[in-house]
C-alpha atoms as a PDB file:
ATOM      1  CA  UNK A   1     110.498 123.873 104.027  1.00  0.00           C
ATOM      2  CA  UNK A   2     111.815 121.266 106.498  1.00  0.00           C
ATOM      3  CA  UNK A   3     111.087 117.475 106.109  1.00  0.00           C
ATOM      4  CA  UNK A   4     109.681 115.715 108.983  1.00  0.00           C
ATOM      5  CA  UNK A   5     110.001 112.073 108.035  1.00  0.00           C
ATOM      6  CA  UNK A   6     112.054 110.068 105.549  1.00  0.00           C
ATOM      7  CA  UNK A   7     111.622 106.684 103.856  1.00  0.00           C
ATOM      8  CA  UNK A   8     113.835 104.975 101.347  1.00  0.00           C
ATOM      9  CA  UNK A   9     112.647 102.474  98.697  1.00  0.00           C
ATOM     10  CA  UNK A  10     114.755 100.024  96.690  1.00  0.00           C
ATOM     11  CA  UNK A  11     116.203 101.772  93.738  1.00  0.00           C
ATOM     12  CA  UNK A  12     115.378  99.210  91.163  1.00  0.00           C
ATOM     13  CA  UNK A  13     117.485  98.249  88.143  1.00  0.00           C
ATOM     14  CA  UNK A  14     116.846 100.977  85.642  1.00  0.00           C
ATOM     15  CA  UNK A  15     117.358 104.827  85.527  1.00  0.00           C
ATOM     16  CA  UNK A  16     113.846 106.491  85.492  1.00  0.00           C
ATOM     17  CA  UNK A  17     112.578 108.315  82.479  1.00  0.00           C
ATOM     18  CA  UNK A  18     112.189 111.875  83.618  1.00  0.00           C
ATOM     19  CA  UNK A  19     110.609 113.052  80.247  1.00  0.00           C
ATOM     20  CA  UNK A  20     107.279 111.306  80.624  1.00  0.00           C
ATOM     21  CA  UNK A  21     104.849 110.067  83.272  1.00  0.00           C
ATOM     22  CA  UNK A  22     101.151 109.211  83.430  1.00  0.00           C
ATOM     23  CA  UNK A  23      98.011 109.871  85.412  1.00  0.00           C
ATOM     24  CA  UNK A  24      95.515 107.157  85.274  1.00  0.00           C
ATOM     25  CA  UNK A  25      91.942 107.771  86.654  1.00  0.00           C
ATOM     26  CA  UNK A  26      90.688 104.367  87.903  1.00  0.00           C
ATOM     27  CA  UNK A  27      87.464 105.686  89.312  1.00  0.00           C
ATOM     28  CA  UNK A  28      86.019 107.936  92.174  1.00  0.00           C
ATOM     29  CA  UNK A  29      89.080 109.196  94.131  1.00  0.00           C
ATOM     30  CA  UNK A  30      91.404 106.377  92.823  1.00  0.00           C
ATOM     31  CA  UNK A  31      94.268 107.612  90.611  1.00  0.00           C
ATOM     32  CA  UNK A  32      97.438 105.724  89.655  1.00  0.00           C
ATOM     33  CA  UNK A  33     100.323 108.163  88.957  1.00  0.00           C
ATOM     34  CA  UNK A  34     103.705 107.055  87.623  1.00  0.00           C
ATOM     35  CA  UNK A  35     106.589 109.382  87.276  1.00  0.00           C
ATOM     36  CA  UNK A  36     110.417 109.349  87.864  1.00  0.00           C
ATOM     37  CA  UNK A  37     110.389 105.684  88.678  1.00  0.00           C
ATOM     38  CA  UNK A  38     107.642 105.914  91.314  1.00  0.00           C
ATOM     39  CA  UNK A  39     104.342 104.264  91.128  1.00  0.00           C
ATOM     40  CA  UNK A  40     101.795 105.832  93.557  1.00  0.00           C
ATOM     41  CA  UNK A  41      97.994 104.987  93.998  1.00  0.00           C
ATOM     42  CA  UNK A  42      95.589 107.412  95.824  1.00  0.00           C
ATOM     43  CA  UNK A  43      92.490 106.336  97.730  1.00  0.00           C
ATOM     44  CA  UNK A  44      92.023 102.708  96.756  1.00  0.00           C
ATOM     45  CA  UNK A  45      88.445 101.852  95.950  1.00  0.00           C
ATOM     46  CA  UNK A  46      87.697  98.806  93.758  1.00  0.00           C
ATOM     47  CA  UNK A  47      84.113  97.694  94.513  1.00  0.00           C
ATOM     48  CA  UNK A  48      81.893  97.246  91.501  1.00  0.00           C
ATOM     49  CA  UNK A  49      78.905  99.142  90.031  1.00  0.00           C
ATOM     50  CA  UNK A  50      75.912  98.937  92.375  1.00  0.00           C
ATOM     51  CA  UNK A  51      77.900  97.766  95.280  1.00  0.00           C
ATOM     52  CA  UNK A  52      77.846  99.734  98.430  1.00  0.00           C
ATOM     53  CA  UNK A  53      80.730 101.070 100.981  1.00  0.00           C
ATOM     54  CA  UNK A  54      79.959 102.083 104.457  1.00  0.00           C
ATOM     55  CA  UNK A  55      80.587 105.616 105.499  1.00  0.00           C
ATOM     56  CA  UNK A  56      79.688 106.179 109.168  1.00  0.00           C
ATOM     57  CA  UNK A  57      76.655 106.165 111.452  1.00  0.00           C
ATOM     58  CA  UNK A  58      74.859 103.606 109.322  1.00  0.00           C
ATOM     59  CA  UNK A  59      75.133 105.598 106.146  1.00  0.00           C
ATOM     60  CA  UNK A  60      76.312 103.920 102.801  1.00  0.00           C
ATOM     61  CA  UNK A  61      77.132 105.017  99.290  1.00  0.00           C
ATOM     62  CA  UNK A  62      76.652 103.187  96.146  1.00  0.00           C
ATOM     63  CA  UNK A  63      79.249 102.881  93.231  1.00  0.00           C
ATOM     64  CA  UNK A  64      77.633 104.044  89.972  1.00  0.00           C
ATOM     65  CA  UNK A  65      80.434 102.785  87.671  1.00  0.00           C
ATOM     66  CA  UNK A  66      82.998 100.004  87.644  1.00  0.00           C
ATOM     67  CA  UNK A  67      86.617 100.807  88.299  1.00  0.00           C
ATOM     68  CA  UNK A  68      88.860 100.944  85.121  1.00  0.00           C
ATOM     69  CA  UNK A  69      90.827  97.954  86.368  1.00  0.00           C
ATOM     70  CA  UNK A  70      90.528  95.336  89.112  1.00  0.00           C
ATOM     71  CA  UNK A  71      92.688  95.549  92.151  1.00  0.00           C
ATOM     72  CA  UNK A  72      94.721  92.529  91.139  1.00  0.00           C
ATOM     73  CA  UNK A  73      95.564  94.098  87.894  1.00  0.00           C
ATOM     74  CA  UNK A  74      97.439  96.971  89.529  1.00  0.00           C
ATOM     75  CA  UNK A  75     101.295  97.132  88.861  1.00  0.00           C
ATOM     76  CA  UNK A  76     103.718  96.901  91.700  1.00  0.00           C
ATOM     77  CA  UNK A  77     103.103  99.945  93.992  1.00  0.00           C
ATOM     78  CA  UNK A  78     105.643 101.938  95.806  1.00  0.00           C
ATOM     79  CA  UNK A  79     103.105 103.647  98.199  1.00  0.00           C
ATOM     80  CA  UNK A  80      99.534 104.704  98.661  1.00  0.00           C
ATOM     81  CA  UNK A  81      98.366 108.238  99.598  1.00  0.00           C
ATOM     82  CA  UNK A  82      95.047 108.112 101.401  1.00  0.00           C
ATOM     83  CA  UNK A  83      93.472 111.587 101.928  1.00  0.00           C
ATOM     84  CA  UNK A  84      91.013 110.514 104.477  1.00  0.00           C
ATOM     85  CA  UNK A  85      89.410 107.250 105.793  1.00  0.00           C
ATOM     86  CA  UNK A  86      85.993 106.731 104.424  1.00  0.00           C
ATOM     87  CA  UNK A  87      84.522 103.734 102.556  1.00  0.00           C
ATOM     88  CA  UNK A  88      84.552 105.554  99.220  1.00  0.00           C
ATOM     89  CA  UNK A  89      88.277 106.289  99.517  1.00  0.00           C
ATOM     90  CA  UNK A  90      89.405 102.850 101.201  1.00  0.00           C
ATOM     91  CA  UNK A  91      86.851 100.245 100.593  1.00  0.00           C
ATOM     92  CA  UNK A  92      86.436  96.556 101.602  1.00  0.00           C
ATOM     93  CA  UNK A  93      88.227  95.301  98.503  1.00  0.00           C
ATOM     94  CA  UNK A  94      91.310  97.428  99.374  1.00  0.00           C
ATOM     95  CA  UNK A  95      91.117  96.138 103.110  1.00  0.00           C
ATOM     96  CA  UNK A  96      91.060  92.551 102.002  1.00  0.00           C
ATOM     97  CA  UNK A  97      93.314  92.406  99.032  1.00  0.00           C
ATOM     98  CA  UNK A  98      96.063  95.044  99.390  1.00  0.00           C
ATOM     99  CA  UNK A  99      99.474  94.044 100.851  1.00  0.00           C
ATOM    100  CA  UNK A 100      99.320  94.931 104.499  1.00  0.00           C
ATOM    101  CA  UNK A 101     103.103  95.973 104.412  1.00  0.00           C
ATOM    102  CA  UNK A 102     102.512  98.577 101.532  1.00  0.00           C
ATOM    103  CA  UNK A 103     103.551 102.131 102.787  1.00  0.00           C
ATOM    104  CA  UNK A 104     100.469 104.449 103.132  1.00  0.00           C
ATOM    105  CA  UNK A 105     100.671 108.090 103.726  1.00  0.00           C
ATOM    106  CA  UNK A 106      97.709 109.490 105.341  1.00  0.00           C
ATOM    107  CA  UNK A 107      96.078 111.516 108.205  1.00  0.00           C
ATOM    108  CA  UNK A 108      96.886 110.692 111.922  1.00  0.00           C
ATOM    109  CA  UNK A 109      93.268 109.563 112.346  1.00  0.00           C
ATOM    110  CA  UNK A 110      93.279 107.243 109.298  1.00  0.00           C
ATOM    111  CA  UNK A 111      96.500 105.692 110.597  1.00  0.00           C
ATOM    112  CA  UNK A 112      94.545 104.481 113.569  1.00  0.00           C
ATOM    113  CA  UNK A 113      91.798 103.052 111.479  1.00  0.00           C
ATOM    114  CA  UNK A 114      94.224 101.294 109.172  1.00  0.00           C
ATOM    115  CA  UNK A 115      96.071  99.916 112.102  1.00  0.00           C
ATOM    116  CA  UNK A 116      92.972  98.205 113.440  1.00  0.00           C
ATOM    117  CA  UNK A 117      92.746  96.447 110.031  1.00  0.00           C
ATOM    118  CA  UNK A 118      96.403  95.215 110.069  1.00  0.00           C
ATOM    119  CA  UNK A 119      98.003  97.983 107.969  1.00  0.00           C
ATOM    120  CA  UNK A 120     100.941  99.081 110.117  1.00  0.00           C
ATOM    121  CA  UNK A 121     103.384 100.497 107.558  1.00  0.00           C
ATOM    122  CA  UNK A 122     101.651 103.956 107.783  1.00  0.00           C
ATOM    123  CA  UNK A 123     103.064 107.543 107.682  1.00  0.00           C
ATOM    124  CA  UNK A 124     100.819 110.044 109.409  1.00  0.00           C
ATOM    125  CA  UNK A 125     101.157 113.541 108.391  1.00  0.00           C
ATOM    126  CA  UNK A 126      99.700 116.675 110.191  1.00  0.00           C
ATOM    127  CA  UNK A 127      98.999 119.850 108.020  1.00  0.00           C
ATOM    128  CA  UNK A 128     102.185 121.137 106.599  1.00  0.00           C
ATOM    129  CA  UNK A 129     104.250 118.264 107.802  1.00  0.00           C
ATOM    130  CA  UNK A 130     106.183 116.173 104.944  1.00  0.00           C
ATOM    131  CA  UNK A 131     107.457 112.971 104.114  1.00  0.00           C
ATOM    132  CA  UNK A 132     110.454 112.509 101.805  1.00  0.00           C
ATOM    133  CA  UNK A 133     110.568 109.135  99.885  1.00  0.00           C
ATOM    134  CA  UNK A 134     113.977 108.310  98.338  1.00  0.00           C
ATOM    135  CA  UNK A 135     114.306 105.903  95.295  1.00  0.00           C
ATOM    136  CA  UNK A 136     117.653 105.785  93.717  1.00  0.00           C
ATOM    137  CA  UNK A 137     118.704 109.393  93.099  1.00  0.00           C
ATOM    138  CA  UNK A 138     115.292 110.873  92.855  1.00  0.00           C
ATOM    139  CA  UNK A 139     113.335 112.177  95.877  1.00  0.00           C
ATOM    140  CA  UNK A 140     109.638 112.316  96.237  1.00  0.00           C
ATOM    141  CA  UNK A 141     108.366 114.886  98.757  1.00  0.00           C
ATOM    142  CA  UNK A 142     104.686 114.848  99.953  1.00  0.00           C
ATOM    143  CA  UNK A 143     103.454 117.659 102.108  1.00  0.00           C
ATOM    144  CA  UNK A 144     100.063 117.429 103.736  1.00  0.00           C
ATOM    145  CA  UNK A 145      97.784 120.677 103.083  1.00  0.00           C
ATOM    146  CA  UNK A 146      94.719 121.947 104.743  1.00  0.00           C
ATOM    147  CA  UNK A 147      91.332 120.479 104.197  1.00  0.00           C
ATOM    148  CA  UNK A 148      87.933 120.483 105.802  1.00  0.00           C
ATOM    149  CA  UNK A 149      85.397 117.800 104.770  1.00  0.00           C
ATOM    150  CA  UNK A 150      82.276 119.730 105.943  1.00  0.00           C
ATOM    151  CA  UNK A 151      80.975 122.637 107.936  1.00  0.00           C
ATOM    152  CA  UNK A 152      82.707 123.350 111.426  1.00  0.00           C
ATOM    153  CA  UNK A 153      79.819 121.568 113.113  1.00  0.00           C
ATOM    154  CA  UNK A 154      79.985 118.471 110.846  1.00  0.00           C
ATOM    155  CA  UNK A 155      83.721 118.137 111.692  1.00  0.00           C
ATOM    156  CA  UNK A 156      82.542 116.269 114.934  1.00  0.00           C
ATOM    157  CA  UNK A 157      81.225 113.335 112.827  1.00  0.00           C
ATOM    158  CA  UNK A 158      83.295 113.514 109.559  1.00  0.00           C
ATOM    159  CA  UNK A 159      86.688 112.078 109.332  1.00  0.00           C
ATOM    160  CA  UNK A 160      89.889 114.193 109.315  1.00  0.00           C
ATOM    161  CA  UNK A 161      90.886 115.145 105.717  1.00  0.00           C
ATOM    162  CA  UNK A 162      94.055 116.373 104.048  1.00  0.00           C
ATOM    163  CA  UNK A 163      95.240 117.541 100.621  1.00  0.00           C
ATOM    164  CA  UNK A 164      98.724 116.991  99.541  1.00  0.00           C
ATOM    165  CA  UNK A 165     101.294 118.674  97.378  1.00  0.00           C
ATOM    166  CA  UNK A 166     103.721 116.293  95.577  1.00  0.00           C
ATOM    167  CA  UNK A 167     107.195 117.192  94.455  1.00  0.00           C
ATOM    168  CA  UNK A 168     109.556 115.079  92.541  1.00  0.00           C
ATOM    169  CA  UNK A 169     113.124 116.262  92.958  1.00  0.00           C
ATOM    170  CA  UNK A 170     116.343 115.598  91.073  1.00  0.00           C
ATOM    171  CA  UNK A 171     119.564 114.688  92.656  1.00  0.00           C
ATOM    172  CA  UNK A 172     120.531 118.407  92.769  1.00  0.00           C
ATOM    173  CA  UNK A 173     117.254 119.208  94.633  1.00  0.00           C
ATOM    174  CA  UNK A 174     115.560 120.949  91.630  1.00  0.00           C
ATOM    175  CA  UNK A 175     111.816 120.352  91.184  1.00  0.00           C
ATOM    176  CA  UNK A 176     111.097 118.058  88.266  1.00  0.00           C
ATOM    177  CA  UNK A 177     107.353 117.910  88.676  1.00  0.00           C
ATOM    178  CA  UNK A 178     104.818 119.279  91.178  1.00  0.00           C
ATOM    179  CA  UNK A 179     101.059 118.345  91.547  1.00  0.00           C
ATOM    180  CA  UNK A 180      98.416 119.414  94.050  1.00  0.00           C
ATOM    181  CA  UNK A 181      95.894 116.781  95.254  1.00  0.00           C
ATOM    182  CA  UNK A 182      92.942 118.535  96.752  1.00  0.00           C
ATOM    183  CA  UNK A 183      91.368 115.868  98.600  1.00  0.00           C
ATOM    184  CA  UNK A 184      87.708 116.099  99.623  1.00  0.00           C
ATOM    185  CA  UNK A 185      87.743 119.683 100.999  1.00  0.00           C
ATOM    186  CA  UNK A 186      85.484 122.703 100.920  1.00  0.00           C
ATOM    187  CA  UNK A 187      86.833 125.979  99.505  1.00  0.00           C
ATOM    188  CA  UNK A 188      88.055 127.187 102.960  1.00  0.00           C
ATOM    189  CA  UNK A 189      90.225 130.190 103.756  1.00  0.00           C
ATOM    190  CA  UNK A 190      93.142 127.851 104.831  1.00  0.00           C
ATOM    191  CA  UNK A 191      93.680 126.888 101.200  1.00  0.00           C
ATOM    192  CA  UNK A 192      94.977 130.457 100.501  1.00  0.00           C
ATOM    193  CA  UNK A 193      98.262 129.225 102.314  1.00  0.00           C
ATOM    194  CA  UNK A 194      98.899 126.794  99.396  1.00  0.00           C
ATOM    195  CA  UNK A 195      99.791 129.447  96.838  1.00  0.00           C
ATOM    196  CA  UNK A 196     101.582 131.554  99.372  1.00  0.00           C
ATOM    197  CA  UNK A 197     103.906 128.578 100.131  1.00  0.00           C
ATOM    198  CA  UNK A 198     104.220 127.409  96.603  1.00  0.00           C
END
């Protein structure tokens, strides 16, 4: 599989522990994943219980529980993976309080939305395109996978979505760990391509 884009992060001062990692569910679609020296956040939403986020066309959704932590309690992040641009995946708290220079990997459509809000360090991925992120001797490869948010007719009004496959690679190129993030997708035929490729 070819890599379309590359990014290098500062290596840091320590050798990463490859024997352990963590997946911390913060709420809704927001998850903090730490492995091999990388700290990655998905779909940042940090509004509180009973607060609302806008969707589109005047629609809103209300949060039913508080996030597990506040946004200012996050550790230092290497990057964010945003699987689509909707208020319940990137809310007003994220828009106001996240560092605008933080790398964000997302869909081409979401890249435009983020750019209008001052987030310009974005990496758009079309389906099956990849980004390799280097940090020291470890490589993190993220590949965009198919997704569809609603019925074919609803695609006109719903945002572009993606899933993603993450691979953490050793200096020799062997796979240390692989995870599939589905994103908000229906069970469409295109998903059958995932196990064929992996």
